[in-house]
Protein backbone atom coordinates (compact mmCIF):
# COMPACT_ATOMS: atom_id res chain seq x y z
CA MET A 1 0.30 -0.16 -0.09
CA PRO A 2 1.40 3.59 -0.96
CA ASN A 3 2.09 5.74 1.51
CA MET A 4 -0.15 8.76 2.66
CA MET A 5 2.96 10.73 1.53
CA GLN A 6 3.43 9.71 -1.83
CA LEU A 7 -0.84 9.72 -2.78
CA MET A 8 -0.18 13.93 -1.19
CA GLN A 9 2.53 14.06 -4.14
CA LYS A 10 0.31 12.75 -6.46
CA ALA A 11 -2.67 14.60 -5.78
CA ALA A 12 -0.83 17.45 -6.02
CA THR A 13 1.06 17.39 -9.32
CA LEU A 14 -2.40 16.15 -10.52
CA GLN A 15 -4.10 19.41 -9.39
CA LYS A 16 -1.10 21.14 -10.67
CA ASP A 17 -1.90 18.94 -14.24
CA LEU A 18 -5.33 20.06 -14.14
CA GLU A 19 -4.27 23.38 -13.79
CA LYS A 20 -2.26 23.96 -16.75
CA ALA A 21 -4.62 21.85 -19.17
CA GLN A 22 -7.50 24.01 -17.87
CA ASN A 23 -5.73 26.93 -18.25
CA ALA A 24 -4.41 25.81 -22.05
CA LEU A 25 -8.31 25.10 -23.08
CA ALA A 26 -9.43 28.71 -22.18
CA GLU A 27 -6.15 29.63 -24.27
CA LYS A 28 -7.67 27.29 -27.59
CA ALA A 29 -10.76 28.20 -29.13
CA VAL A 30 -12.94 26.20 -31.85
CA ALA A 31 -15.32 28.14 -34.70
CA PHE A 32 -18.50 26.84 -35.95
CA SER A 33 -20.74 28.26 -38.74
CA SER A 34 -24.33 27.91 -40.07
CA GLY A 35 -26.19 29.18 -43.04
CA GLY A 36 -23.17 28.50 -45.40
CA GLY A 37 -20.97 30.55 -43.50
CA MET A 38 -23.85 33.34 -43.47
CA VAL A 39 -22.54 33.25 -38.89
CA ASN A 40 -19.76 32.43 -37.70
CA VAL A 41 -19.81 31.68 -33.71
CA VAL A 42 -16.15 31.12 -31.95
CA VAL A 43 -15.97 29.20 -28.43
CA SER A 44 -12.58 29.09 -26.51
CA GLY A 45 -12.51 25.74 -24.98
CA ASP A 46 -13.74 26.35 -21.97
CA GLY A 47 -17.40 27.58 -23.47
CA GLN A 48 -16.89 30.73 -23.58
CA ILE A 49 -18.20 32.56 -26.26
CA LYS A 50 -15.64 34.71 -27.82
CA SER A 51 -17.52 36.15 -31.46
CA ILE A 52 -19.95 36.25 -33.21
CA LYS A 53 -20.28 37.20 -37.18
CA ILE A 54 -22.90 37.39 -38.81
CA ASP A 55 -23.23 38.21 -42.83
CA PRO A 56 -24.90 41.42 -43.16
CA LYS A 57 -26.70 39.83 -46.65
CA VAL A 58 -28.40 37.38 -43.85
CA ILE A 59 -30.10 40.58 -41.94
CA ASP A 60 -33.99 40.44 -42.76
CA PRO A 61 -35.94 42.67 -40.44
CA SER A 62 -39.19 40.64 -42.49
CA ASP A 63 -37.67 36.78 -40.75
CA ALA A 64 -35.82 37.42 -37.86
CA GLY A 65 -36.71 33.80 -36.52
CA MET A 66 -33.93 32.93 -39.41
CA LEU A 67 -31.54 35.06 -38.37
CA GLU A 68 -32.07 33.76 -34.53
CA ASP A 69 -32.26 30.21 -35.88
CA LEU A 70 -28.67 30.25 -37.74
CA VAL A 71 -27.39 31.99 -34.51
CA LEU A 72 -28.65 29.24 -32.53
CA ALA A 73 -27.30 26.87 -34.60
CA ALA A 74 -24.04 27.75 -34.58
CA VAL A 75 -23.81 28.26 -30.49
CA ASP A 76 -24.84 25.11 -30.41
CA GLY A 77 -22.22 23.46 -32.61
CA ALA A 78 -19.41 26.43 -31.32
CA GLN A 79 -20.23 25.02 -28.12
CA LYS A 80 -20.50 21.47 -29.13
CA ALA A 81 -16.99 21.36 -30.48
CA ALA A 82 -15.59 23.06 -27.60
CA LYS A 83 -17.20 20.28 -25.10
CA LYS A 84 -15.33 17.47 -27.69
CA MET A 85 -12.11 19.13 -27.58
CA SER A 86 -12.37 19.74 -23.64
CA THR A 87 -12.79 16.41 -23.26
CA GLU A 88 -10.55 14.95 -25.67
CA GLU A 89 -7.85 17.17 -23.96
CA MET A 90 -8.78 15.89 -20.01
CA SER A 91 -8.88 12.45 -21.32
CA LYS A 92 -5.01 12.57 -22.49
CA LEU A 93 -4.55 14.51 -19.80
CA ALA A 94 -6.29 11.71 -17.58
CA ALA A 95 -4.45 8.84 -19.30
CA GLY A 96 -1.13 10.16 -19.00
CA MET A 97 -1.73 9.90 -15.20
CA GLY A 98 -2.71 6.17 -15.62
CA LEU A 99 -6.71 7.28 -14.30
CA PRO A 100 -10.41 6.78 -16.06
CA ASN A 101 -11.31 9.13 -18.16
CA LEU A 102 -11.98 12.50 -16.04
CA MET A 103 -15.03 14.13 -18.67
CA ARG A 104 -17.67 12.63 -20.29
């Protein structure tokens, strides 16, 4: 049975590695577009929406619902891509430490 000091050191190392991975994820970003590139959303690896770009050609005051749908689709896609990136990065960290997946 490993001694308590070894376990504490391993836990401290894991905590530092997790913090590094989370900081690195916050610096990374993914982009997603909808409407054939008319609406583009960028989300950081920690899930923060960084930007939304809307092509003026898609802005039709008589059809706000279409623009709302395009924005929603782009945001949803970008957030899913960011979550996938986060899961993959954390899984690499977990595998390197000999642990099961940390995120699912």
